Amino acid sequence: MAMALGGCAGLPLACPAGQAGAREVRLVFGRNIAGQPGVSEADFRAFVDAELTPRFPDGLTVIDAQGQWRGAAATPEREASKLVLLVLAAKAAGADAKLEAVRAAYKARFRQESVMILSQPVCAGF
C-alpha cells in the first residue's frame, strides 16, 4: 500500500510497496564540555536510557560521529558526537514536544549550547 506524505519540496511522497510514509529525525549530540571531551560512553548511554528510550520506546539507532562547527570565536571546533536516528509515524502524537524535551535535557545535563535536529519525510518499512 502506498501512502502519500508531503515532501520537502511540497510534492507528495509516493512510497513503494511494503513501505509507508514516516518522518526521519536525526539528533546530533556533541560530547565536548567547555571545549574538552566530557560526555563519556557511559554518560551518553545513561542519557539514552533516561531521556530517549522512555519517550521513543519503539526504537532508535545511535551512531558514533565526528562533528565540526564554527563557534563564537569563528574558528572550527571539532568534537566527538553521537547521531541518533529515529523513524516516527508521519503524524506521531506529541513527537515534537518529546524531541524538544530531549534536546533541552541534554543541553542542561551536559552544558551544551545546542543539539542539532534534522527532520524529513521518508518512506519506511519494518
PDB file of N, CA and C in Angstrom:
ATOM      1  N   MET A   1       0.842  -1.181   0.000  1.00  0.00           N
ATOM      2  CA  MET A   1       0.000   0.000   0.000  1.00  0.00           C
ATOM      3  C   MET A   1       0.883   1.237   0.000  1.00  0.00           C
ATOM      4  N   ALA A   2       0.696   2.128  -0.904  1.00  0.00           N
ATOM      5  CA  ALA A   2       1.460   3.369  -0.959  1.00  0.00           C
ATOM      6  C   ALA A   2       0.720   4.435  -0.167  1.00  0.00           C
ATOM      7  N   MET A   3       1.491   5.243   0.545  1.00  0.00           N
ATOM      8  CA  MET A   3       0.904   6.312   1.347  1.00  0.00           C
ATOM      9  C   MET A   3       1.529   7.633   0.908  1.00  0.00           C
ATOM     10  N   ALA A   4       0.752   8.659   0.770  1.00  0.00           N
ATOM     11  CA  ALA A   4       1.285   9.964   0.382  1.00  0.00           C
ATOM     12  C   ALA A   4       1.607  10.769   1.631  1.00  0.00           C
ATOM     13  N   LEU A   5       2.708  11.476   1.557  1.00  0.00           N
ATOM     14  CA  LEU A   5       3.139  12.351   2.643  1.00  0.00           C
ATOM     15  C   LEU A   5       3.776  13.552   1.985  1.00  0.00           C
ATOM     16  N   GLY A   6       3.502  14.743   2.465  1.00  0.00           N
ATOM     17  CA  GLY A   6       4.092  15.935   1.872  1.00  0.00           C
ATOM     18  C   GLY A   6       5.602  15.867   1.884  1.00  0.00           C
ATOM     19  N   GLY A   7       6.232  16.046   0.748  1.00  0.00           N
ATOM     20  CA  GLY A   7       7.682  16.045   0.655  1.00  0.00           C
ATOM     21  C   GLY A   7       8.233  17.411   0.996  1.00  0.00           C
ATOM     22  N   CYS A   8       9.556  17.499   1.073  1.00  0.00           N
ATOM     23  CA  CYS A   8      10.210  18.753   1.424  1.00  0.00           C
ATOM     24  C   CYS A   8       9.913  19.854   0.414  1.00  0.00           C
ATOM     25  N   ALA A   9       9.779  19.490  -0.866  1.00  0.00           N
ATOM     26  CA  ALA A   9       9.522  20.488  -1.899  1.00  0.00           C
ATOM     27  C   ALA A   9       8.031  20.682  -2.139  1.00  0.00           C
ATOM     28  N   GLY A  10       7.200  20.145  -1.275  1.00  0.00           N
ATOM     29  CA  GLY A  10       5.767  20.292  -1.421  1.00  0.00           C
ATOM     30  C   GLY A  10       5.139  19.243  -2.327  1.00  0.00           C
ATOM     31  N   LEU A  11       5.940  18.337  -2.849  1.00  0.00           N
ATOM     32  CA  LEU A  11       5.422  17.269  -3.695  1.00  0.00           C
ATOM     33  C   LEU A  11       5.072  16.071  -2.827  1.00  0.00           C
ATOM     34  N   PRO A  12       4.050  15.318  -3.201  1.00  0.00           N
ATOM     35  CA  PRO A  12       3.705  14.141  -2.407  1.00  0.00           C
ATOM     36  C   PRO A  12       4.811  13.088  -2.499  1.00  0.00           C
ATOM     37  N   LEU A  13       4.983  12.341  -1.432  1.00  0.00           N
ATOM     38  CA  LEU A  13       5.961  11.266  -1.362  1.00  0.00           C
ATOM     39  C   LEU A  13       5.230   9.960  -1.620  1.00  0.00           C
ATOM     40  N   ALA A  14       5.504   9.316  -2.748  1.00  0.00           N
ATOM     41  CA  ALA A  14       4.873   8.043  -3.094  1.00  0.00           C
ATOM     42  C   ALA A  14       5.794   6.924  -2.627  1.00  0.00           C
ATOM     43  N   CYS A  15       5.318   6.108  -1.729  1.00  0.00           N
ATOM     44  CA  CYS A  15       6.145   5.051  -1.155  1.00  0.00           C
ATOM     45  C   CYS A  15       5.957   3.738  -1.909  1.00  0.00           C
ATOM     46  N   PRO A  16       7.053   2.986  -2.065  1.00  0.00           N
ATOM     47  CA  PRO A  16       6.958   1.678  -2.720  1.00  0.00           C
ATOM     48  C   PRO A  16       6.161   0.690  -1.876  1.00  0.00           C
ATOM     49  N   ALA A  17       5.749  -0.391  -2.496  1.00  0.00           N
ATOM     50  CA  ALA A  17       5.016  -1.447  -1.789  1.00  0.00           C
ATOM     51  C   ALA A  17       5.831  -1.912  -0.589  1.00  0.00           C
ATOM     52  N   GLY A  18       5.171  -2.112   0.520  1.00  0.00           N
ATOM     53  CA  GLY A  18       5.830  -2.573   1.733  1.00  0.00           C
ATOM     54  C   GLY A  18       6.375  -1.461   2.601  1.00  0.00           C
ATOM     55  N   GLN A  19       6.256  -0.212   2.128  1.00  0.00           N
ATOM     56  CA  GLN A  19       6.714   0.924   2.909  1.00  0.00           C
ATOM     57  C   GLN A  19       5.577   1.923   3.059  1.00  0.00           C
ATOM     58  N   ALA A  20       5.694   2.757   4.083  1.00  0.00           N
ATOM     59  CA  ALA A  20       4.677   3.771   4.322  1.00  0.00           C
ATOM     60  C   ALA A  20       5.361   5.084   4.670  1.00  0.00           C
ATOM     61  N   GLY A  21       4.635   6.165   4.506  1.00  0.00           N
ATOM     62  CA  GLY A  21       5.154   7.476   4.860  1.00  0.00           C
ATOM     63  C   GLY A  21       5.493   7.547   6.332  1.00  0.00           C
ATOM     64  N   ALA A  22       6.638   8.134   6.628  1.00  0.00           N
ATOM     65  CA  ALA A  22       7.103   8.283   8.003  1.00  0.00           C
ATOM     66  C   ALA A  22       7.918   9.567   8.080  1.00  0.00           C
ATOM     67  N   ARG A  23       8.440   9.833   9.249  1.00  0.00           N
ATOM     68  CA  ARG A  23       9.278  11.011   9.476  1.00  0.00           C
ATOM     69  C   ARG A  23      10.608  10.542  10.050  1.00  0.00           C
ATOM     70  N   GLU A  24      11.692  10.888   9.391  1.00  0.00           N
ATOM     71  CA  GLU A  24      13.023  10.585   9.902  1.00  0.00           C
ATOM     72  C   GLU A  24      13.521  11.799  10.672  1.00  0.00           C
ATOM     73  N   VAL A  25      13.977  11.555  11.885  1.00  0.00           N
ATOM     74  CA  VAL A  25      14.530  12.615  12.717  1.00  0.00           C
ATOM     75  C   VAL A  25      15.938  12.208  13.106  1.00  0.00           C
ATOM     76  N   ARG A  26      16.860  13.136  12.897  1.00  0.00           N
ATOM     77  CA  ARG A  26      18.244  12.923  13.323  1.00  0.00           C
ATOM     78  C   ARG A  26      18.596  13.985  14.342  1.00  0.00           C
ATOM     79  N   LEU A  27      19.131  13.539  15.459  1.00  0.00           N
ATOM     80  CA  LEU A  27      19.602  14.427  16.512  1.00  0.00           C
ATOM     81  C   LEU A  27      21.113  14.262  16.610  1.00  0.00           C
ATOM     82  N   VAL A  28      21.831  15.377  16.687  1.00  0.00           N
ATOM     83  CA  VAL A  28      23.285  15.331  16.786  1.00  0.00           C
ATOM     84  C   VAL A  28      23.690  15.930  18.132  1.00  0.00           C
ATOM     85  N   PHE A  29      24.305  15.084  18.949  1.00  0.00           N
ATOM     86  CA  PHE A  29      24.708  15.448  20.302  1.00  0.00           C
ATOM     87  C   PHE A  29      26.227  15.576  20.372  1.00  0.00           C
ATOM     88  N   GLY A  30      26.734  16.776  20.606  1.00  0.00           N
ATOM     89  CA  GLY A  30      28.162  16.962  20.805  1.00  0.00           C
ATOM     90  C   GLY A  30      28.563  16.409  22.165  1.00  0.00           C
ATOM     91  N   ARG A  31      29.812  15.947  22.269  1.00  0.00           N
ATOM     92  CA  ARG A  31      30.254  15.314  23.512  1.00  0.00           C
ATOM     93  C   ARG A  31      31.301  16.119  24.279  1.00  0.00           C
ATOM     94  N   ASN A  32      31.683  17.283  23.750  1.00  0.00           N
ATOM     95  CA  ASN A  32      32.614  18.131  24.499  1.00  0.00           C
ATOM     96  C   ASN A  32      31.856  18.947  25.529  1.00  0.00           C
ATOM     97  N   ILE A  33      32.526  19.246  26.616  1.00  0.00           N
ATOM     98  CA  ILE A  33      32.004  20.159  27.628  1.00  0.00           C
ATOM     99  C   ILE A  33      33.081  21.218  27.827  1.00  0.00           C
ATOM    100  N   ALA A  34      32.729  22.468  27.612  1.00  0.00           N
ATOM    101  CA  ALA A  34      33.667  23.586  27.739  1.00  0.00           C
ATOM    102  C   ALA A  34      34.914  23.352  26.879  1.00  0.00           C
ATOM    103  N   GLY A  35      34.713  22.857  25.650  1.00  0.00           N
ATOM    104  CA  GLY A  35      35.797  22.687  24.710  1.00  0.00           C
ATOM    105  C   GLY A  35      36.661  21.450  24.912  1.00  0.00           C
ATOM    106  N   GLN A  36      36.332  20.625  25.882  1.00  0.00           N
ATOM    107  CA  GLN A  36      37.114  19.426  26.178  1.00  0.00           C
ATOM    108  C   GLN A  36      36.207  18.193  26.169  1.00  0.00           C
ATOM    109  N   PRO A  37      36.773  17.016  25.815  1.00  0.00           N
ATOM    110  CA  PRO A  37      35.953  15.800  25.903  1.00  0.00           C
ATOM    111  C   PRO A  37      35.352  15.674  27.303  1.00  0.00           C
ATOM    112  N   GLY A  38      34.049  15.373  27.353  1.00  0.00           N
ATOM    113  CA  GLY A  38      33.412  15.349  28.658  1.00  0.00           C
ATOM    114  C   GLY A  38      32.267  14.377  28.808  1.00  0.00           C
ATOM    115  N   VAL A  39      31.566  14.057  27.732  1.00  0.00           N
ATOM    116  CA  VAL A  39      30.435  13.133  27.815  1.00  0.00           C
ATOM    117  C   VAL A  39      30.955  11.750  27.435  1.00  0.00           C
ATOM    118  N   SER A  40      31.107  10.891  28.429  1.00  0.00           N
ATOM    119  CA  SER A  40      31.646   9.547  28.203  1.00  0.00           C
ATOM    120  C   SER A  40      30.593   8.642  27.555  1.00  0.00           C
ATOM    121  N   GLU A  41      31.049   7.472  27.132  1.00  0.00           N
ATOM    122  CA  GLU A  41      30.111   6.468  26.603  1.00  0.00           C
ATOM    123  C   GLU A  41      29.059   6.123  27.650  1.00  0.00           C
ATOM    124  N   ALA A  42      29.504   5.937  28.896  1.00  0.00           N
ATOM    125  CA  ALA A  42      28.568   5.598  29.976  1.00  0.00           C
ATOM    126  C   ALA A  42      27.584   6.737  30.228  1.00  0.00           C
ATOM    127  N   ASP A  43      28.073   7.985  30.194  1.00  0.00           N
ATOM    128  CA  ASP A  43      27.190   9.145  30.374  1.00  0.00           C
ATOM    129  C   ASP A  43      26.126   9.180  29.283  1.00  0.00           C
ATOM    130  N   PHE A  44      26.550   8.946  28.034  1.00  0.00           N
ATOM    131  CA  PHE A  44      25.596   9.020  26.934  1.00  0.00           C
ATOM    132  C   PHE A  44      24.589   7.881  27.006  1.00  0.00           C
ATOM    133  N   ARG A  45      25.043   6.674  27.341  1.00  0.00           N
ATOM    134  CA  ARG A  45      24.135   5.533  27.478  1.00  0.00           C
ATOM    135  C   ARG A  45      23.101   5.817  28.563  1.00  0.00           C
ATOM    136  N   ALA A  46      23.539   6.384  29.676  1.00  0.00           N
ATOM    137  CA  ALA A  46      22.609   6.725  30.761  1.00  0.00           C
ATOM    138  C   ALA A  46      21.595   7.765  30.280  1.00  0.00           C
ATOM    139  N   PHE A  47      22.040   8.723  29.479  1.00  0.00           N
ATOM    140  CA  PHE A  47      21.134   9.722  28.930  1.00  0.00           C
ATOM    141  C   PHE A  47      20.102   9.066  28.014  1.00  0.00           C
ATOM    142  N   VAL A  48      20.557   8.179  27.137  1.00  0.00           N
ATOM    143  CA  VAL A  48      19.627   7.465  26.242  1.00  0.00           C
ATOM    144  C   VAL A  48      18.593   6.696  27.064  1.00  0.00           C
ATOM    145  N   ASP A  49      19.079   5.992  28.083  1.00  0.00           N
ATOM    146  CA  ASP A  49      18.173   5.188  28.910  1.00  0.00           C
ATOM    147  C   ASP A  49      17.158   6.044  29.668  1.00  0.00           C
ATOM    148  N   ALA A  50      17.577   7.216  30.125  1.00  0.00           N
ATOM    149  CA  ALA A  50      16.698   8.061  30.945  1.00  0.00           C
ATOM    150  C   ALA A  50      15.799   8.983  30.121  1.00  0.00           C
ATOM    151  N   GLU A  51      16.298   9.473  28.988  1.00  0.00           N
ATOM    152  CA  GLU A  51      15.562  10.514  28.259  1.00  0.00           C
ATOM    153  C   GLU A  51      14.979  10.065  26.921  1.00  0.00           C
ATOM    154  N   LEU A  52      15.735   9.325  26.133  1.00  0.00           N
ATOM    155  CA  LEU A  52      15.260   8.946  24.801  1.00  0.00           C
ATOM    156  C   LEU A  52      14.370   7.713  24.812  1.00  0.00           C
ATOM    157  N   THR A  53      14.834   6.644  25.441  1.00  0.00           N
ATOM    158  CA  THR A  53      14.083   5.383  25.407  1.00  0.00           C
ATOM    159  C   THR A  53      12.675   5.522  25.979  1.00  0.00           C
ATOM    160  N   PRO A  54      12.478   6.203  27.122  1.00  0.00           N
ATOM    161  CA  PRO A  54      11.099   6.337  27.621  1.00  0.00           C
ATOM    162  C   PRO A  54      10.182   7.125  26.676  1.00  0.00           C
ATOM    163  N   ARG A  55      10.741   8.092  25.957  1.00  0.00           N
ATOM    164  CA  ARG A  55       9.926   8.910  25.046  1.00  0.00           C
ATOM    165  C   ARG A  55       9.715   8.250  23.683  1.00  0.00           C
ATOM    166  N   PHE A  56      10.680   7.414  23.275  1.00  0.00           N
ATOM    167  CA  PHE A  56      10.615   6.758  21.966  1.00  0.00           C
ATOM    168  C   PHE A  56      10.907   5.268  22.128  1.00  0.00           C
ATOM    169  N   PRO A  57       9.991   4.553  22.775  1.00  0.00           N
ATOM    170  CA  PRO A  57      10.244   3.144  23.102  1.00  0.00           C
ATOM    171  C   PRO A  57      10.236   2.197  21.895  1.00  0.00           C
ATOM    172  N   ASP A  58       9.739   2.659  20.748  1.00  0.00           N
ATOM    173  CA  ASP A  58       9.692   1.778  19.582  1.00  0.00           C
ATOM    174  C   ASP A  58      11.061   1.529  18.971  1.00  0.00           C
ATOM    175  N   GLY A  59      12.049   2.328  19.338  1.00  0.00           N
ATOM    176  CA  GLY A  59      13.404   2.076  18.873  1.00  0.00           C
ATOM    177  C   GLY A  59      14.097   3.299  18.316  1.00  0.00           C
ATOM    178  N   LEU A  60      15.410   3.198  18.279  1.00  0.00           N
ATOM    179  CA  LEU A  60      16.263   4.259  17.765  1.00  0.00           C
ATOM    180  C   LEU A  60      17.619   3.652  17.438  1.00  0.00           C
ATOM    181  N   THR A  61      18.423   4.399  16.710  1.00  0.00           N
ATOM    182  CA  THR A  61      19.770   3.964  16.362  1.00  0.00           C
ATOM    183  C   THR A  61      20.743   5.037  16.810  1.00  0.00           C
ATOM    184  N   VAL A  62      21.842   4.630  17.447  1.00  0.00           N
ATOM    185  CA  VAL A  62      22.883   5.554  17.884  1.00  0.00           C
ATOM    186  C   VAL A  62      24.139   5.262  17.069  1.00  0.00           C
ATOM    187  N   ILE A  63      24.691   6.307  16.467  1.00  0.00           N
ATOM    188  CA  ILE A  63      25.864   6.182  15.605  1.00  0.00           C
ATOM    189  C   ILE A  63      26.954   7.121  16.125  1.00  0.00           C
ATOM    190  N   ASP A  64      28.191   6.621  16.211  1.00  0.00           N
ATOM    191  CA  ASP A  64      29.323   7.479  16.564  1.00  0.00           C
ATOM    192  C   ASP A  64      29.648   8.374  15.379  1.00  0.00           C
ATOM    193  N   ALA A  65      29.949   9.631  15.647  1.00  0.00           N
ATOM    194  CA  ALA A  65      30.243  10.588  14.586  1.00  0.00           C
ATOM    195  C   ALA A  65      31.320  11.567  15.054  1.00  0.00           C
ATOM    196  N   GLN A  66      31.863  12.284  14.113  1.00  0.00           N
ATOM    197  CA  GLN A  66      32.787  13.376  14.390  1.00  0.00           C
ATOM    198  C   GLN A  66      32.158  14.645  13.833  1.00  0.00           C
ATOM    199  N   GLY A  67      32.015  15.658  14.675  1.00  0.00           N
ATOM    200  CA  GLY A  67      31.369  16.883  14.248  1.00  0.00           C
ATOM    201  C   GLY A  67      32.342  18.040  14.156  1.00  0.00           C
ATOM    202  N   GLN A  68      31.945  19.027  13.373  1.00  0.00           N
ATOM    203  CA  GLN A  68      32.705  20.262  13.266  1.00  0.00           C
ATOM    204  C   GLN A  68      31.713  21.392  13.111  1.00  0.00           C
ATOM    205  N   TRP A  69      31.955  22.473  13.794  1.00  0.00           N
ATOM    206  CA  TRP A  69      31.093  23.641  13.690  1.00  0.00           C
ATOM    207  C   TRP A  69      31.912  24.873  14.010  1.00  0.00           C
ATOM    208  N   ARG A  70      31.402  26.006  13.617  1.00  0.00           N
ATOM    209  CA  ARG A  70      32.098  27.255  13.891  1.00  0.00           C
ATOM    210  C   ARG A  70      31.483  27.865  15.139  1.00  0.00           C
ATOM    211  N   GLY A  71      32.288  27.968  16.150  1.00  0.00           N
ATOM    212  CA  GLY A  71      31.828  28.509  17.421  1.00  0.00           C
ATOM    213  C   GLY A  71      31.876  30.029  17.453  1.00  0.00           C
ATOM    214  N   ALA A  72      31.671  30.580  18.628  1.00  0.00           N
ATOM    215  CA  ALA A  72      31.629  32.026  18.810  1.00  0.00           C
ATOM    216  C   ALA A  72      32.945  32.692  18.401  1.00  0.00           C
ATOM    217  N   ALA A  73      34.071  31.971  18.520  1.00  0.00           N
ATOM    218  CA  ALA A  73      35.373  32.526  18.153  1.00  0.00           C
ATOM    219  C   ALA A  73      35.593  32.499  16.643  1.00  0.00           C
ATOM    220  N   ALA A  74      34.636  32.010  15.878  1.00  0.00           N
ATOM    221  CA  ALA A  74      34.687  31.943  14.416  1.00  0.00           C
ATOM    222  C   ALA A  74      35.760  30.992  13.899  1.00  0.00           C
ATOM    223  N   THR A  75      36.272  30.117  14.742  1.00  0.00           N
ATOM    224  CA  THR A  75      37.230  29.102  14.298  1.00  0.00           C
ATOM    225  C   THR A  75      36.556  27.737  14.376  1.00  0.00           C
ATOM    226  N   PRO A  76      36.941  26.819  13.499  1.00  0.00           N
ATOM    227  CA  PRO A  76      36.320  25.494  13.538  1.00  0.00           C
ATOM    228  C   PRO A  76      36.588  24.776  14.863  1.00  0.00           C
ATOM    229  N   GLU A  77      35.546  24.240  15.417  1.00  0.00           N
ATOM    230  CA  GLU A  77      35.657  23.429  16.623  1.00  0.00           C
ATOM    231  C   GLU A  77      35.242  22.020  16.253  1.00  0.00           C
ATOM    232  N   ARG A  78      36.052  21.049  16.641  1.00  0.00           N
ATOM    233  CA  ARG A  78      35.780  19.649  16.314  1.00  0.00           C
ATOM    234  C   ARG A  78      35.524  18.885  17.600  1.00  0.00           C
ATOM    235  N   GLU A  79      34.600  17.923  17.505  1.00  0.00           N
ATOM    236  CA  GLU A  79      34.324  17.110  18.689  1.00  0.00           C
ATOM    237  C   GLU A  79      33.678  15.788  18.298  1.00  0.00           C
ATOM    238  N   ALA A  80      33.905  14.809  19.142  1.00  0.00           N
ATOM    239  CA  ALA A  80      33.190  13.545  19.009  1.00  0.00           C
ATOM    240  C   ALA A  80      31.716  13.832  19.238  1.00  0.00           C
ATOM    241  N   SER A  81      30.874  13.133  18.502  1.00  0.00           N
ATOM    242  CA  SER A  81      29.431  13.360  18.586  1.00  0.00           C
ATOM    243  C   SER A  81      28.699  12.032  18.549  1.00  0.00           C
ATOM    244  N   LYS A  82      27.434  12.075  18.884  1.00  0.00           N
ATOM    245  CA  LYS A  82      26.535  10.944  18.720  1.00  0.00           C
ATOM    246  C   LYS A  82      25.391  11.391  17.823  1.00  0.00           C
ATOM    247  N   LEU A  83      25.107  10.589  16.817  1.00  0.00           N
ATOM    248  CA  LEU A  83      23.979  10.822  15.928  1.00  0.00           C
ATOM    249  C   LEU A  83      22.906   9.816  16.302  1.00  0.00           C
ATOM    250  N   VAL A  84      21.727  10.302  16.636  1.00  0.00           N
ATOM    251  CA  VAL A  84      20.606   9.429  16.976  1.00  0.00           C
ATOM    252  C   VAL A  84      19.581   9.531  15.857  1.00  0.00           C
ATOM    253  N   LEU A  85      19.230   8.378  15.320  1.00  0.00           N
ATOM    254  CA  LEU A  85      18.275   8.288  14.224  1.00  0.00           C
ATOM    255  C   LEU A  85      16.972   7.704  14.753  1.00  0.00           C
ATOM    256  N   LEU A  86      15.880   8.418  14.494  1.00  0.00           N
ATOM    257  CA  LEU A  86      14.539   7.969  14.863  1.00  0.00           C
ATOM    258  C   LEU A  86      13.676   7.944  13.609  1.00  0.00           C
ATOM    259  N   VAL A  87      12.837   6.936  13.474  1.00  0.00           N
ATOM    260  CA  VAL A  87      11.843   6.895  12.410  1.00  0.00           C
ATOM    261  C   VAL A  87      10.491   6.870  13.113  1.00  0.00           C
ATOM    262  N   LEU A  88       9.731   7.930  12.894  1.00  0.00           N
ATOM    263  CA  LEU A  88       8.454   8.115  13.586  1.00  0.00           C
ATOM    264  C   LEU A  88       7.299   8.030  12.602  1.00  0.00           C
ATOM    265  N   ALA A  89       6.154   7.641  13.109  1.00  0.00           N
ATOM    266  CA  ALA A  89       4.945   7.687  12.285  1.00  0.00           C
ATOM    267  C   ALA A  89       4.775   9.115  11.791  1.00  0.00           C
ATOM    268  N   ALA A  90       4.274   9.274  10.586  1.00  0.00           N
ATOM    269  CA  ALA A  90       4.156  10.594   9.975  1.00  0.00           C
ATOM    270  C   ALA A  90       3.431  11.593  10.876  1.00  0.00           C
ATOM    271  N   LYS A  91       2.465  11.147  11.587  1.00  0.00           N
ATOM    272  CA  LYS A  91       1.682  12.036  12.462  1.00  0.00           C
ATOM    273  C   LYS A  91       1.778  11.584  13.919  1.00  0.00           C
ATOM    274  N   ALA A  92       2.984  11.220  14.384  1.00  0.00           N
ATOM    275  CA  ALA A  92       3.173  10.743  15.758  1.00  0.00           C
ATOM    276  C   ALA A  92       2.739  11.820  16.753  1.00  0.00           C
ATOM    277  N   ALA A  93       1.773  11.481  17.563  1.00  0.00           N
ATOM    278  CA  ALA A  93       1.219  12.428  18.530  1.00  0.00           C
ATOM    279  C   ALA A  93       2.263  12.820  19.568  1.00  0.00           C
ATOM    280  N   GLY A  94       2.450  14.100  19.750  1.00  0.00           N
ATOM    281  CA  GLY A  94       3.339  14.610  20.778  1.00  0.00           C
ATOM    282  C   GLY A  94       4.823  14.477  20.485  1.00  0.00           C
ATOM    283  N   ALA A  95       5.188  14.052  19.278  1.00  0.00           N
ATOM    284  CA  ALA A  95       6.599  13.812  18.958  1.00  0.00           C
ATOM    285  C   ALA A  95       7.432  15.088  19.074  1.00  0.00           C
ATOM    286  N   ASP A  96       6.924  16.206  18.596  1.00  0.00           N
ATOM    287  CA  ASP A  96       7.709  17.439  18.631  1.00  0.00           C
ATOM    288  C   ASP A  96       8.023  17.862  20.068  1.00  0.00           C
ATOM    289  N   ALA A  97       7.061  17.759  20.948  1.00  0.00           N
ATOM    290  CA  ALA A  97       7.295  18.118  22.350  1.00  0.00           C
ATOM    291  C   ALA A  97       8.312  17.175  22.987  1.00  0.00           C
ATOM    292  N   LYS A  98       8.240  15.895  22.658  1.00  0.00           N
ATOM    293  CA  LYS A  98       9.203  14.926  23.196  1.00  0.00           C
ATOM    294  C   LYS A  98      10.607  15.210  22.681  1.00  0.00           C
ATOM    295  N   LEU A  99      10.723  15.525  21.401  1.00  0.00           N
ATOM    296  CA  LEU A  99      12.028  15.851  20.832  1.00  0.00           C
ATOM    297  C   LEU A  99      12.622  17.085  21.494  1.00  0.00           C
ATOM    298  N   GLU A 100      11.813  18.101  21.690  1.00  0.00           N
ATOM    299  CA  GLU A 100      12.307  19.318  22.340  1.00  0.00           C
ATOM    300  C   GLU A 100      12.687  19.057  23.794  1.00  0.00           C
ATOM    301  N   ALA A 101      11.956  18.181  24.474  1.00  0.00           N
ATOM    302  CA  ALA A 101      12.300  17.831  25.857  1.00  0.00           C
ATOM    303  C   ALA A 101      13.651  17.118  25.919  1.00  0.00           C
ATOM    304  N   VAL A 102      13.907  16.224  24.964  1.00  0.00           N
ATOM    305  CA  VAL A 102      15.193  15.520  24.899  1.00  0.00           C
ATOM    306  C   VAL A 102      16.321  16.520  24.668  1.00  0.00           C
ATOM    307  N   ARG A 103      16.141  17.418  23.716  1.00  0.00           N
ATOM    308  CA  ARG A 103      17.173  18.419  23.418  1.00  0.00           C
ATOM    309  C   ARG A 103      17.451  19.299  24.627  1.00  0.00           C
ATOM    310  N   ALA A 104      16.404  19.750  25.296  1.00  0.00           N
ATOM    311  CA  ALA A 104      16.570  20.603  26.479  1.00  0.00           C
ATOM    312  C   ALA A 104      17.275  19.848  27.605  1.00  0.00           C
ATOM    313  N   ALA A 105      16.931  18.590  27.786  1.00  0.00           N
ATOM    314  CA  ALA A 105      17.553  17.792  28.847  1.00  0.00           C
ATOM    315  C   ALA A 105      19.047  17.615  28.600  1.00  0.00           C
ATOM    316  N   TYR A 106      19.434  17.355  27.358  1.00  0.00           N
ATOM    317  CA  TYR A 106      20.853  17.168  27.044  1.00  0.00           C
ATOM    318  C   TYR A 106      21.625  18.472  27.257  1.00  0.00           C
ATOM    319  N   LYS A 107      21.061  19.578  26.782  1.00  0.00           N
ATOM    320  CA  LYS A 107      21.736  20.868  26.939  1.00  0.00           C
ATOM    321  C   LYS A 107      21.935  21.196  28.415  1.00  0.00           C
ATOM    322  N   ALA A 108      20.932  20.939  29.220  1.00  0.00           N
ATOM    323  CA  ALA A 108      21.041  21.238  30.651  1.00  0.00           C
ATOM    324  C   ALA A 108      22.003  20.272  31.357  1.00  0.00           C
ATOM    325  N   ARG A 109      21.885  19.003  31.064  1.00  0.00           N
ATOM    326  CA  ARG A 109      22.688  17.997  31.763  1.00  0.00           C
ATOM    327  C   ARG A 109      24.176  18.100  31.441  1.00  0.00           C
ATOM    328  N   PHE A 110      24.505  18.417  30.172  1.00  0.00           N
ATOM    329  CA  PHE A 110      25.904  18.422  29.752  1.00  0.00           C
ATOM    330  C   PHE A 110      26.404  19.806  29.328  1.00  0.00           C
ATOM    331  N   ARG A 111      25.690  20.860  29.748  1.00  0.00           N
ATOM    332  CA  ARG A 111      26.106  22.239  29.495  1.00  0.00           C
ATOM    333  C   ARG A 111      26.442  22.483  28.013  1.00  0.00           C
ATOM    334  N   GLN A 112      25.497  22.153  27.145  1.00  0.00           N
ATOM    335  CA  GLN A 112      25.663  22.302  25.705  1.00  0.00           C
ATOM    336  C   GLN A 112      24.934  23.539  25.200  1.00  0.00           C
ATOM    337  N   GLU A 113      25.484  24.176  24.172  1.00  0.00           N
ATOM    338  CA  GLU A 113      24.817  25.318  23.548  1.00  0.00           C
ATOM    339  C   GLU A 113      23.625  24.878  22.712  1.00  0.00           C
ATOM    340  N   SER A 114      23.769  23.717  22.065  1.00  0.00           N
ATOM    341  CA  SER A 114      22.697  23.280  21.171  1.00  0.00           C
ATOM    342  C   SER A 114      22.760  21.778  20.944  1.00  0.00           C
ATOM    343  N   VAL A 115      21.664  21.252  20.437  1.00  0.00           N
ATOM    344  CA  VAL A 115      21.569  19.890  19.915  1.00  0.00           C
ATOM    345  C   VAL A 115      20.909  20.047  18.558  1.00  0.00           C
ATOM    346  N   MET A 116      21.632  19.672  17.505  1.00  0.00           N
ATOM    347  CA  MET A 116      21.080  19.840  16.161  1.00  0.00           C
ATOM    348  C   MET A 116      19.985  18.807  15.912  1.00  0.00           C
ATOM    349  N   ILE A 117      18.933  19.250  15.226  1.00  0.00           N
ATOM    350  CA  ILE A 117      17.850  18.363  14.832  1.00  0.00           C
ATOM    351  C   ILE A 117      17.594  18.531  13.335  1.00  0.00           C
ATOM    352  N   LEU A 118      17.434  17.412  12.664  1.00  0.00           N
ATOM    353  CA  LEU A 118      17.089  17.382  11.245  1.00  0.00           C
ATOM    354  C   LEU A 118      15.866  16.491  11.107  1.00  0.00           C
ATOM    355  N   SER A 119      14.920  16.911  10.284  1.00  0.00           N
ATOM    356  CA  SER A 119      13.685  16.152  10.139  1.00  0.00           C
ATOM    357  C   SER A 119      13.250  16.186   8.684  1.00  0.00           C
ATOM    358  N   GLN A 120      12.815  15.021   8.187  1.00  0.00           N
ATOM    359  CA  GLN A 120      12.349  14.969   6.805  1.00  0.00           C
ATOM    360  C   GLN A 120      11.383  13.814   6.612  1.00  0.00           C
ATOM    361  N   PRO A 121      10.503  13.941   5.628  1.00  0.00           N
ATOM    362  CA  PRO A 121       9.605  12.836   5.312  1.00  0.00           C
ATOM    363  C   PRO A 121      10.385  11.742   4.593  1.00  0.00           C
ATOM    364  N   VAL A 122      10.064  10.495   4.897  1.00  0.00           N
ATOM    365  CA  VAL A 122      10.708   9.346   4.275  1.00  0.00           C
ATOM    366  C   VAL A 122       9.675   8.235   4.073  1.00  0.00           C
ATOM    367  N   CYS A 123      10.068   7.251   3.296  1.00  0.00           N
ATOM    368  CA  CYS A 123       9.312   6.008   3.205  1.00  0.00           C
ATOM    369  C   CYS A 123      10.046   4.998   4.066  1.00  0.00           C
ATOM    370  N   ALA A 124       9.332   4.232   4.867  1.00  0.00           N
ATOM    371  CA  ALA A 124       9.974   3.277   5.757  1.00  0.00           C
ATOM    372  C   ALA A 124       9.156   1.982   5.804  1.00  0.00           C
ATOM    373  N   GLY A 125       9.856   0.896   5.971  1.00  0.00           N
ATOM    374  CA  GLY A 125       9.219  -0.400   6.146  1.00  0.00           C
ATOM    375  C   GLY A 125       9.968  -1.180   7.197  1.00  0.00           C
ATOM    376  N   PHE A 126       9.234  -1.960   7.977  1.00  0.00           N
ATOM    377  CA  PHE A 126       9.865  -2.746   9.048  1.00  0.00           C
ATOM    378  C   PHE A 126       9.461  -4.191   8.905  1.00  0.00           C
TER     379      PHE A 126
END
